[in-house]
Amino acid sequence: MISYQITKWSHELFQMQVRPGGCYVDATMGNGHDTLFLCKLAGETGMVTAFDIQEKALEATGKLLREYQMEKRARLYLDSHTNMDKYLEAESVDGIYFNFGYLPGGDHNLATKADTSVEAIAKGLALLRKGGVLALCIYSGGDTGFEEKDRILEYLKSLDEKRYIVIVNTYYNRKNNPPIPAFVVKK
């Protein structure tokens, strides 16, 4: 592995679990870096569906995808990740990528929240096909980050072990509430 930064490391592990050319979801589009990563995985035959509630995120992502000539591989929606089930069918998705928190460079008051994040994870699990993977980059801190982290981890721990494999990693020797990469594989 080249980088141990949470998103780069999560990309490496995610890529090991999914098939190229698949159907992927970027549940939290942000500035588009995860969307671009998924578009590269999708290749010519796959598709990426990405969500964010901020117009700024769609603009940044669209610009990034055009720069890399990947705009035809993605559908970008100005909508909450809690509505992803309105755009995709159950058991049709190979992988879903979540990067919780706030838009880097954006308004820190507009951040993911515990209730909607857990709801979106549940909807994402229903969209995954067998063998599909859900990746979560969980941050804590700020006004709601600790609550969100705790609720997400509590929810992941409650998932039926006969239906899902849940792996939660930690930067064990890092101070100041390091991010938590987690993965869920649907059996």
C-alpha atoms as a PDB file:
ATOM      1  CA  MET A   1       0.000   0.000   0.000  1.00  0.00           C
ATOM      2  CA  ILE A   2       1.270   3.392  -0.958  1.00  0.00           C
ATOM      3  CA  SER A   3      -0.832   5.561   1.347  1.00  0.00           C
ATOM      4  CA  TYR A   4      -2.372   5.033   4.763  1.00  0.00           C
ATOM      5  CA  GLN A   5      -4.653   8.058   4.501  1.00  0.00           C
ATOM      6  CA  ILE A   6      -8.176   6.749   5.163  1.00  0.00           C
ATOM      7  CA  THR A   7      -9.642   7.355   1.710  1.00  0.00           C
ATOM      8  CA  LYS A   8      -6.657   5.978  -0.210  1.00  0.00           C
ATOM      9  CA  TRP A   9      -6.418   2.953   2.035  1.00  0.00           C
ATOM     10  CA  SER A  10     -10.170   2.370   1.822  1.00  0.00           C
ATOM     11  CA  HIS A  11      -9.952   2.594  -1.975  1.00  0.00           C
ATOM     12  CA  GLU A  12      -7.307  -0.135  -1.989  1.00  0.00           C
ATOM     13  CA  LEU A  13      -9.373  -2.475   0.174  1.00  0.00           C
ATOM     14  CA  PHE A  14     -12.608  -1.661  -1.671  1.00  0.00           C
ATOM     15  CA  GLN A  15     -10.994  -2.386  -5.038  1.00  0.00           C
ATOM     16  CA  MET A  16      -9.904  -5.823  -3.803  1.00  0.00           C
ATOM     17  CA  GLN A  17     -13.536  -6.757  -3.092  1.00  0.00           C
ATOM     18  CA  VAL A  18     -15.426  -5.551  -6.156  1.00  0.00           C
ATOM     19  CA  ARG A  19     -15.424  -6.552  -9.789  1.00  0.00           C
ATOM     20  CA  PRO A  20     -14.339  -4.032 -12.422  1.00  0.00           C
ATOM     21  CA  GLY A  21     -17.123  -2.873 -14.715  1.00  0.00           C
ATOM     22  CA  GLY A  22     -19.764  -3.026 -12.018  1.00  0.00           C
ATOM     23  CA  CYS A  23     -22.491  -0.780 -10.691  1.00  0.00           C
ATOM     24  CA  TYR A  24     -21.248   1.502  -7.916  1.00  0.00           C
ATOM     25  CA  VAL A  25     -22.672   4.214  -5.682  1.00  0.00           C
ATOM     26  CA  ASP A  26     -20.906   7.197  -4.177  1.00  0.00           C
ATOM     27  CA  ALA A  27     -23.329   7.934  -1.370  1.00  0.00           C
ATOM     28  CA  THR A  28     -21.528  11.116  -0.289  1.00  0.00           C
ATOM     29  CA  MET A  29     -20.147  12.777  -3.425  1.00  0.00           C
ATOM     30  CA  GLY A  30     -18.257  15.683  -1.838  1.00  0.00           C
ATOM     31  CA  ASN A  31     -15.601  17.047  -4.178  1.00  0.00           C
ATOM     32  CA  GLY A  32     -15.815  14.017  -6.451  1.00  0.00           C
ATOM     33  CA  HIS A  33     -12.629  12.116  -5.669  1.00  0.00           C
ATOM     34  CA  ASP A  34     -14.477   8.942  -4.641  1.00  0.00           C
ATOM     35  CA  THR A  35     -16.802   9.327  -7.636  1.00  0.00           C
ATOM     36  CA  LEU A  36     -13.767   9.525  -9.939  1.00  0.00           C
ATOM     37  CA  PHE A  37     -12.243   6.463  -8.260  1.00  0.00           C
ATOM     38  CA  LEU A  38     -15.492   4.539  -8.804  1.00  0.00           C
ATOM     39  CA  CYS A  39     -15.737   5.711 -12.445  1.00  0.00           C
ATOM     40  CA  LYS A  40     -12.289   4.286 -13.114  1.00  0.00           C
ATOM     41  CA  LEU A  41     -13.429   0.984 -11.585  1.00  0.00           C
ATOM     42  CA  ALA A  42     -16.654   1.059 -13.603  1.00  0.00           C
ATOM     43  CA  GLY A  43     -14.761   1.341 -16.866  1.00  0.00           C
ATOM     44  CA  GLU A  44     -16.653   1.473 -20.146  1.00  0.00           C
ATOM     45  CA  THR A  45     -19.230  -1.129 -19.122  1.00  0.00           C
ATOM     46  CA  GLY A  46     -20.121  -0.044 -15.580  1.00  0.00           C
ATOM     47  CA  MET A  47     -21.952   2.895 -14.057  1.00  0.00           C
ATOM     48  CA  VAL A  48     -21.627   5.120 -11.002  1.00  0.00           C
ATOM     49  CA  THR A  49     -24.529   6.843  -9.265  1.00  0.00           C
ATOM     50  CA  ALA A  50     -23.496   9.635  -6.894  1.00  0.00           C
ATOM     51  CA  PHE A  51     -25.427  11.693  -4.346  1.00  0.00           C
ATOM     52  CA  ASP A  52     -24.948  14.908  -2.430  1.00  0.00           C
ATOM     53  CA  ILE A  53     -27.266  17.553  -1.002  1.00  0.00           C
ATOM     54  CA  GLN A  54     -25.013  20.464  -1.923  1.00  0.00           C
ATOM     55  CA  GLU A  55     -24.983  22.069  -5.356  1.00  0.00           C
ATOM     56  CA  LYS A  56     -21.313  22.910  -4.763  1.00  0.00           C
ATOM     57  CA  ALA A  57     -20.536  19.177  -4.557  1.00  0.00           C
ATOM     58  CA  LEU A  58     -22.259  18.435  -7.867  1.00  0.00           C
ATOM     59  CA  GLU A  59     -20.417  21.283  -9.560  1.00  0.00           C
ATOM     60  CA  ALA A  60     -17.017  20.181  -8.224  1.00  0.00           C
ATOM     61  CA  THR A  61     -17.645  16.542  -9.086  1.00  0.00           C
ATOM     62  CA  GLY A  62     -18.914  17.340 -12.574  1.00  0.00           C
ATOM     63  CA  LYS A  63     -15.838  19.474 -13.240  1.00  0.00           C
ATOM     64  CA  LEU A  64     -13.485  16.740 -11.991  1.00  0.00           C
ATOM     65  CA  LEU A  65     -15.174  14.050 -14.081  1.00  0.00           C
ATOM     66  CA  ARG A  66     -15.029  16.238 -17.211  1.00  0.00           C
ATOM     67  CA  GLU A  67     -11.338  16.890 -16.570  1.00  0.00           C
ATOM     68  CA  TYR A  68     -10.721  13.131 -16.632  1.00  0.00           C
ATOM     69  CA  GLN A  69     -13.275  12.477 -19.399  1.00  0.00           C
ATOM     70  CA  MET A  70     -15.339  10.268 -17.097  1.00  0.00           C
ATOM     71  CA  GLU A  71     -18.620  12.221 -17.079  1.00  0.00           C
ATOM     72  CA  LYS A  72     -20.435   9.574 -19.158  1.00  0.00           C
ATOM     73  CA  ARG A  73     -19.735   6.942 -16.518  1.00  0.00           C
ATOM     74  CA  ALA A  74     -21.658   8.701 -13.753  1.00  0.00           C
ATOM     75  CA  ARG A  75     -25.101  10.013 -12.886  1.00  0.00           C
ATOM     76  CA  LEU A  76     -24.951  12.815 -10.345  1.00  0.00           C
ATOM     77  CA  TYR A  77     -27.965  13.595  -8.178  1.00  0.00           C
ATOM     78  CA  LEU A  78     -28.660  16.578  -5.971  1.00  0.00           C
ATOM     79  CA  ASP A  79     -30.362  14.427  -3.368  1.00  0.00           C
ATOM     80  CA  SER A  80     -29.747  12.782  -0.017  1.00  0.00           C
ATOM     81  CA  HIS A  81     -28.093   9.390   0.223  1.00  0.00           C
ATOM     82  CA  THR A  82     -31.204   8.328   2.139  1.00  0.00           C
ATOM     83  CA  ASN A  83     -33.024   8.377  -1.212  1.00  0.00           C
ATOM     84  CA  MET A  84     -30.632   6.147  -3.155  1.00  0.00           C
ATOM     85  CA  ASP A  85     -33.246   3.398  -3.226  1.00  0.00           C
ATOM     86  CA  LYS A  86     -35.406   5.638  -5.441  1.00  0.00           C
ATOM     87  CA  TYR A  87     -32.754   5.530  -8.172  1.00  0.00           C
ATOM     88  CA  LEU A  88     -31.482   1.957  -7.960  1.00  0.00           C
ATOM     89  CA  GLU A  89     -33.055  -1.470  -7.658  1.00  0.00           C
ATOM     90  CA  ALA A  90     -32.583  -3.866  -4.763  1.00  0.00           C
ATOM     91  CA  GLU A  91     -29.589  -6.189  -5.100  1.00  0.00           C
ATOM     92  CA  SER A  92     -28.293  -4.390  -8.221  1.00  0.00           C
ATOM     93  CA  VAL A  93     -25.172  -2.699  -6.840  1.00  0.00           C
ATOM     94  CA  ASP A  94     -21.649  -4.122  -6.561  1.00  0.00           C
ATOM     95  CA  GLY A  95     -20.239  -1.512  -4.201  1.00  0.00           C
ATOM     96  CA  ILE A  96     -21.195   1.580  -2.231  1.00  0.00           C
ATOM     97  CA  TYR A  97     -18.759   4.130  -0.865  1.00  0.00           C
ATOM     98  CA  PHE A  98     -19.554   6.433   2.077  1.00  0.00           C
ATOM     99  CA  ASN A  99     -17.284   9.229   3.270  1.00  0.00           C
ATOM    100  CA  PHE A 100     -19.079  10.752   6.260  1.00  0.00           C
ATOM    101  CA  GLY A 101     -18.635  14.250   7.652  1.00  0.00           C
ATOM    102  CA  TYR A 102     -18.676  17.550   5.794  1.00  0.00           C
ATOM    103  CA  LEU A 103     -17.684  18.707   2.332  1.00  0.00           C
ATOM    104  CA  PRO A 104     -13.963  19.534   2.433  1.00  0.00           C
ATOM    105  CA  GLY A 105     -13.703  23.254   1.845  1.00  0.00           C
ATOM    106  CA  GLY A 106     -17.450  23.625   2.434  1.00  0.00           C
ATOM    107  CA  ASP A 107     -19.729  24.682   5.248  1.00  0.00           C
ATOM    108  CA  HIS A 108     -18.951  22.566   8.337  1.00  0.00           C
ATOM    109  CA  ASN A 109     -22.519  23.100   9.535  1.00  0.00           C
ATOM    110  CA  LEU A 110     -23.685  20.971   6.606  1.00  0.00           C
ATOM    111  CA  ALA A 111     -22.455  17.548   7.658  1.00  0.00           C
ATOM    112  CA  THR A 112     -23.841  14.041   7.653  1.00  0.00           C
ATOM    113  CA  LYS A 113     -25.940  13.192  10.709  1.00  0.00           C
ATOM    114  CA  ALA A 114     -26.344  10.007  12.729  1.00  0.00           C
ATOM    115  CA  ASP A 115     -30.002   9.307  11.897  1.00  0.00           C
ATOM    116  CA  THR A 116     -29.751   9.834   8.158  1.00  0.00           C
ATOM    117  CA  SER A 117     -26.391   8.095   7.911  1.00  0.00           C
ATOM    118  CA  VAL A 118     -27.694   4.922   9.553  1.00  0.00           C
ATOM    119  CA  GLU A 119     -30.814   5.082   7.361  1.00  0.00           C
ATOM    120  CA  ALA A 120     -28.659   5.426   4.242  1.00  0.00           C
ATOM    121  CA  ILE A 121     -26.446   2.506   5.262  1.00  0.00           C
ATOM    122  CA  ALA A 122     -29.542   0.313   5.724  1.00  0.00           C
ATOM    123  CA  LYS A 123     -30.854   1.318   2.295  1.00  0.00           C
ATOM    124  CA  GLY A 124     -27.433   0.720   0.788  1.00  0.00           C
ATOM    125  CA  LEU A 125     -27.305  -2.800   2.200  1.00  0.00           C
ATOM    126  CA  ALA A 126     -30.622  -3.586   0.506  1.00  0.00           C
ATOM    127  CA  LEU A 127     -29.192  -2.353  -2.812  1.00  0.00           C
ATOM    128  CA  LEU A 128     -26.074  -4.538  -2.606  1.00  0.00           C
ATOM    129  CA  ARG A 129     -26.020  -7.778  -4.543  1.00  0.00           C
ATOM    130  CA  LYS A 130     -24.550 -10.863  -2.857  1.00  0.00           C
ATOM    131  CA  GLY A 131     -20.802 -10.426  -2.638  1.00  0.00           C
ATOM    132  CA  GLY A 132     -21.177  -6.644  -2.815  1.00  0.00           C
ATOM    133  CA  VAL A 133     -19.232  -4.385  -0.495  1.00  0.00           C
ATOM    134  CA  LEU A 134     -20.046  -1.234   1.399  1.00  0.00           C
ATOM    135  CA  ALA A 135     -17.093   0.969   2.454  1.00  0.00           C
ATOM    136  CA  LEU A 136     -17.421   3.592   5.164  1.00  0.00           C
ATOM    137  CA  CYS A 137     -14.941   6.296   6.132  1.00  0.00           C
ATOM    138  CA  ILE A 138     -16.172   7.359   9.568  1.00  0.00           C
ATOM    139  CA  TYR A 139     -14.951  10.585  11.127  1.00  0.00           C
ATOM    140  CA  SER A 140     -15.639  11.883  14.606  1.00  0.00           C
ATOM    141  CA  GLY A 141     -15.447  15.309  16.139  1.00  0.00           C
ATOM    142  CA  GLY A 142     -17.327  18.522  15.571  1.00  0.00           C
ATOM    143  CA  ASP A 143     -20.864  18.974  16.806  1.00  0.00           C
ATOM    144  CA  THR A 144     -22.330  15.648  15.655  1.00  0.00           C
ATOM    145  CA  GLY A 145     -19.347  13.519  14.638  1.00  0.00           C
ATOM    146  CA  PHE A 146     -19.060  11.533  17.876  1.00  0.00           C
ATOM    147  CA  GLU A 147     -22.763  10.740  17.919  1.00  0.00           C
ATOM    148  CA  GLU A 148     -22.663   9.739  14.260  1.00  0.00           C
ATOM    149  CA  LYS A 149     -19.602   7.526  14.732  1.00  0.00           C
ATOM    150  CA  ASP A 150     -21.134   5.780  17.751  1.00  0.00           C
ATOM    151  CA  ARG A 151     -24.488   5.214  16.058  1.00  0.00           C
ATOM    152  CA  ILE A 152     -22.900   3.865  12.860  1.00  0.00           C
ATOM    153  CA  LEU A 153     -20.657   1.467  14.777  1.00  0.00           C
ATOM    154  CA  GLU A 154     -23.593   0.347  16.939  1.00  0.00           C
ATOM    155  CA  TYR A 155     -25.645  -0.319  13.803  1.00  0.00           C
ATOM    156  CA  LEU A 156     -22.824  -2.233  12.099  1.00  0.00           C
ATOM    157  CA  LYS A 157     -22.376  -4.403  15.178  1.00  0.00           C
ATOM    158  CA  SER A 158     -26.088  -5.287  15.092  1.00  0.00           C
ATOM    159  CA  LEU A 159     -26.003  -6.645  11.518  1.00  0.00           C
ATOM    160  CA  ASP A 160     -26.868 -10.333  11.176  1.00  0.00           C
ATOM    161  CA  GLU A 161     -23.610 -12.295  11.005  1.00  0.00           C
ATOM    162  CA  LYS A 162     -25.281 -14.868   8.752  1.00  0.00           C
ATOM    163  CA  ARG A 163     -25.951 -12.195   6.121  1.00  0.00           C
ATOM    164  CA  TYR A 164     -22.996  -9.810   6.482  1.00  0.00           C
ATOM    165  CA  ILE A 165     -19.304  -9.715   7.271  1.00  0.00           C
ATOM    166  CA  VAL A 166     -18.413  -6.474   9.068  1.00  0.00           C
ATOM    167  CA  ILE A 167     -14.792  -5.409   9.407  1.00  0.00           C
ATOM    168  CA  VAL A 168     -13.956  -2.279  11.378  1.00  0.00           C
ATOM    169  CA  ASN A 169     -10.380  -1.003  11.300  1.00  0.00           C
ATOM    170  CA  THR A 170      -8.699   1.510  13.537  1.00  0.00           C
ATOM    171  CA  TYR A 171      -5.602   3.647  13.518  1.00  0.00           C
ATOM    172  CA  TYR A 172      -4.786   2.226  16.918  1.00  0.00           C
ATOM    173  CA  ASN A 173      -1.837   4.417  17.884  1.00  0.00           C
ATOM    174  CA  ARG A 174      -3.059   7.732  16.446  1.00  0.00           C
ATOM    175  CA  LYS A 175      -4.246  10.502  18.736  1.00  0.00           C
ATOM    176  CA  ASN A 176      -7.087  13.012  18.348  1.00  0.00           C
ATOM    177  CA  ASN A 177      -9.947  10.750  17.252  1.00  0.00           C
ATOM    178  CA  PRO A 178      -8.574   9.291  14.023  1.00  0.00           C
ATOM    179  CA  PRO A 179     -11.006   8.247  11.291  1.00  0.00           C
ATOM    180  CA  ILE A 180     -12.346   4.704  11.200  1.00  0.00           C
ATOM    181  CA  PRO A 181     -12.431   2.730   7.964  1.00  0.00           C
ATOM    182  CA  ALA A 182     -15.109   0.017   7.955  1.00  0.00           C
ATOM    183  CA  PHE A 183     -16.337  -2.508   5.388  1.00  0.00           C
ATOM    184  CA  VAL A 184     -19.473  -4.612   5.088  1.00  0.00           C
ATOM    185  CA  VAL A 185     -19.651  -7.544   2.673  1.00  0.00           C
ATOM    186  CA  LYS A 186     -23.049  -9.017   1.846  1.00  0.00           C
ATOM    187  CA  LYS A 187     -22.943 -12.820   1.969  1.00  0.00           C
END
